[in-house]
Amino acid sequence: MTWVQIVAAVGAAASMLSFAPQAWAIIRKGSTQGLSRPMYALTVLAFACWLTFGIAQRQWALIVPNAICLILAVFILAMILLPARRTAQVSHALDPTAPP
């Protein structure tokens, strides 16, 4: 593995892992208060474009991390767009210790 491939792998892993804490915080708290709709909408668009590019180029190194990031970003955006009561219900369904 070359240093370029190592840097790419570390970057892909960091991108994928960067959304997990936010998604988990939403689930645990049952709230998306303070999160930006436009920011996550742009993030979803960006990952969708990168995923499309990766598929067009048949580059698994682009497809896999961007697909995972897209799923997490869509989850976060969906939770932001839901009414607060519904967000809390979904959170509680995913983690019964979360506030109902």
C-alpha atoms as a PDB file:
ATOM      1  CA  MET A   1       0.000   0.000   0.000  1.00  0.00           C
ATOM      2  CA  THR A   2       1.424   3.373  -1.004  1.00  0.00           C
ATOM      3  CA  TRP A   3       1.344   6.462   1.195  1.00  0.00           C
ATOM      4  CA  VAL A   4      -1.313   7.940  -1.109  1.00  0.00           C
ATOM      5  CA  GLN A   5      -3.550   4.916  -0.604  1.00  0.00           C
ATOM      6  CA  ILE A   6      -2.999   5.113   3.162  1.00  0.00           C
ATOM      7  CA  VAL A   7      -3.947   8.794   3.201  1.00  0.00           C
ATOM      8  CA  ALA A   8      -7.051   8.012   1.117  1.00  0.00           C
ATOM      9  CA  ALA A   9      -8.044   5.160   3.443  1.00  0.00           C
ATOM     10  CA  VAL A  10      -7.590   7.307   6.546  1.00  0.00           C
ATOM     11  CA  GLY A  11      -9.593  10.123   4.938  1.00  0.00           C
ATOM     12  CA  ALA A  12     -12.396   7.756   3.943  1.00  0.00           C
ATOM     13  CA  ALA A  13     -12.524   6.235   7.428  1.00  0.00           C
ATOM     14  CA  ALA A  14     -12.534   9.676   9.070  1.00  0.00           C
ATOM     15  CA  SER A  15     -15.362  10.834   6.784  1.00  0.00           C
ATOM     16  CA  MET A  16     -17.460   7.795   7.581  1.00  0.00           C
ATOM     17  CA  LEU A  17     -16.823   8.005  11.309  1.00  0.00           C
ATOM     18  CA  SER A  18     -17.413  11.766  11.496  1.00  0.00           C
ATOM     19  CA  PHE A  19     -21.190  11.408  11.145  1.00  0.00           C
ATOM     20  CA  ALA A  20     -21.628   8.556  13.599  1.00  0.00           C
ATOM     21  CA  PRO A  21     -21.301  10.670  16.780  1.00  0.00           C
ATOM     22  CA  GLN A  22     -23.914  13.151  15.540  1.00  0.00           C
ATOM     23  CA  ALA A  23     -26.339  10.391  14.552  1.00  0.00           C
ATOM     24  CA  TRP A  24     -25.830   8.683  17.919  1.00  0.00           C
ATOM     25  CA  ALA A  25     -26.320  11.976  19.802  1.00  0.00           C
ATOM     26  CA  ILE A  26     -29.637  12.493  18.015  1.00  0.00           C
ATOM     27  CA  ILE A  27     -30.745   8.979  18.930  1.00  0.00           C
ATOM     28  CA  ARG A  28     -29.679   9.328  22.574  1.00  0.00           C
ATOM     29  CA  LYS A  29     -31.138  12.823  23.093  1.00  0.00           C
ATOM     30  CA  GLY A  30     -34.192  12.455  20.874  1.00  0.00           C
ATOM     31  CA  SER A  31     -33.569  15.968  19.585  1.00  0.00           C
ATOM     32  CA  THR A  32     -31.974  17.741  16.625  1.00  0.00           C
ATOM     33  CA  GLN A  33     -32.099  21.164  18.219  1.00  0.00           C
ATOM     34  CA  GLY A  34     -29.306  23.384  16.976  1.00  0.00           C
ATOM     35  CA  LEU A  35     -28.581  21.409  13.798  1.00  0.00           C
ATOM     36  CA  SER A  36     -28.663  23.201  10.468  1.00  0.00           C
ATOM     37  CA  ARG A  37     -31.117  21.985   7.816  1.00  0.00           C
ATOM     38  CA  PRO A  38     -29.308  23.716   4.953  1.00  0.00           C
ATOM     39  CA  MET A  39     -25.939  22.317   6.025  1.00  0.00           C
ATOM     40  CA  TYR A  40     -27.191  18.747   6.093  1.00  0.00           C
ATOM     41  CA  ALA A  41     -29.128  19.231   2.837  1.00  0.00           C
ATOM     42  CA  LEU A  42     -25.895  20.352   1.150  1.00  0.00           C
ATOM     43  CA  THR A  43     -24.014  17.482   2.774  1.00  0.00           C
ATOM     44  CA  VAL A  44     -26.530  14.969   1.403  1.00  0.00           C
ATOM     45  CA  LEU A  45     -26.214  16.558  -2.051  1.00  0.00           C
ATOM     46  CA  ALA A  46     -22.405  16.428  -1.873  1.00  0.00           C
ATOM     47  CA  PHE A  47     -22.297  12.766  -0.875  1.00  0.00           C
ATOM     48  CA  ALA A  48     -24.895  11.875  -3.510  1.00  0.00           C
ATOM     49  CA  CYS A  49     -22.740  13.559  -6.155  1.00  0.00           C
ATOM     50  CA  TRP A  50     -19.539  11.855  -4.940  1.00  0.00           C
ATOM     51  CA  LEU A  51     -21.331   8.509  -4.867  1.00  0.00           C
ATOM     52  CA  THR A  52     -22.613   9.039  -8.406  1.00  0.00           C
ATOM     53  CA  PHE A  53     -19.112   9.993  -9.538  1.00  0.00           C
ATOM     54  CA  GLY A  54     -17.647   6.906  -7.854  1.00  0.00           C
ATOM     55  CA  ILE A  55     -20.217   4.657  -9.520  1.00  0.00           C
ATOM     56  CA  ALA A  56     -19.576   6.276 -12.916  1.00  0.00           C
ATOM     57  CA  GLN A  57     -15.830   5.747 -12.442  1.00  0.00           C
ATOM     58  CA  ARG A  58     -16.313   2.256 -10.958  1.00  0.00           C
ATOM     59  CA  GLN A  59     -14.099   3.257  -8.042  1.00  0.00           C
ATOM     60  CA  TRP A  60     -14.954   1.259  -4.918  1.00  0.00           C
ATOM     61  CA  ALA A  61     -12.721   3.564  -2.870  1.00  0.00           C
ATOM     62  CA  LEU A  62     -15.207   6.349  -3.641  1.00  0.00           C
ATOM     63  CA  ILE A  63     -18.391   4.287  -3.666  1.00  0.00           C
ATOM     64  CA  VAL A  64     -18.191   2.616  -0.255  1.00  0.00           C
ATOM     65  CA  PRO A  65     -17.301   5.554   2.007  1.00  0.00           C
ATOM     66  CA  ASN A  66     -19.588   7.968   0.184  1.00  0.00           C
ATOM     67  CA  ALA A  67     -22.500   5.514   0.324  1.00  0.00           C
ATOM     68  CA  ILE A  68     -22.019   5.104   4.075  1.00  0.00           C
ATOM     69  CA  CYS A  69     -21.693   8.855   4.592  1.00  0.00           C
ATOM     70  CA  LEU A  70     -24.782   9.452   2.450  1.00  0.00           C
ATOM     71  CA  ILE A  71     -26.831   7.029   4.543  1.00  0.00           C
ATOM     72  CA  LEU A  72     -25.766   8.699   7.790  1.00  0.00           C
ATOM     73  CA  ALA A  73     -26.296  12.221   6.430  1.00  0.00           C
ATOM     74  CA  VAL A  74     -29.757  11.290   5.085  1.00  0.00           C
ATOM     75  CA  PHE A  75     -30.662   9.842   8.495  1.00  0.00           C
ATOM     76  CA  ILE A  76     -29.565  13.048  10.245  1.00  0.00           C
ATOM     77  CA  LEU A  77     -31.386  15.269   7.725  1.00  0.00           C
ATOM     78  CA  ALA A  78     -34.537  13.163   7.993  1.00  0.00           C
ATOM     79  CA  MET A  79     -34.443  13.441  11.781  1.00  0.00           C
ATOM     80  CA  ILE A  80     -34.009  17.235  11.477  1.00  0.00           C
ATOM     81  CA  LEU A  81     -36.978  17.490   9.102  1.00  0.00           C
ATOM     82  CA  LEU A  82     -39.279  15.419  11.297  1.00  0.00           C
ATOM     83  CA  PRO A  83     -41.473  17.200  13.837  1.00  0.00           C
ATOM     84  CA  ALA A  84     -39.780  17.214  17.269  1.00  0.00           C
ATOM     85  CA  ARG A  85     -42.286  14.734  18.724  1.00  0.00           C
ATOM     86  CA  ARG A  86     -41.710  12.268  15.881  1.00  0.00           C
ATOM     87  CA  THR A  87     -37.914  12.657  16.182  1.00  0.00           C
ATOM     88  CA  ALA A  88     -38.193  11.706  19.848  1.00  0.00           C
ATOM     89  CA  GLN A  89     -40.365   8.690  18.978  1.00  0.00           C
ATOM     90  CA  VAL A  90     -37.901   7.438  16.360  1.00  0.00           C
ATOM     91  CA  SER A  91     -35.009   7.947  18.760  1.00  0.00           C
ATOM     92  CA  HIS A  92     -36.815   6.020  21.481  1.00  0.00           C
ATOM     93  CA  ALA A  93     -37.604   3.199  19.042  1.00  0.00           C
ATOM     94  CA  LEU A  94     -33.914   2.934  18.118  1.00  0.00           C
ATOM     95  CA  ASP A  95     -32.715   3.281  21.716  1.00  0.00           C
ATOM     96  CA  PRO A  96     -35.298   2.478  24.414  1.00  0.00           C
ATOM     97  CA  THR A  97     -33.226   4.424  26.969  1.00  0.00           C
ATOM     98  CA  ALA A  98     -33.701   7.618  24.910  1.00  0.00           C
ATOM     99  CA  PRO A  99     -36.362  10.080  26.074  1.00  0.00           C
ATOM    100  CA  PRO A 100     -39.804   9.232  24.612  1.00  0.00           C
END
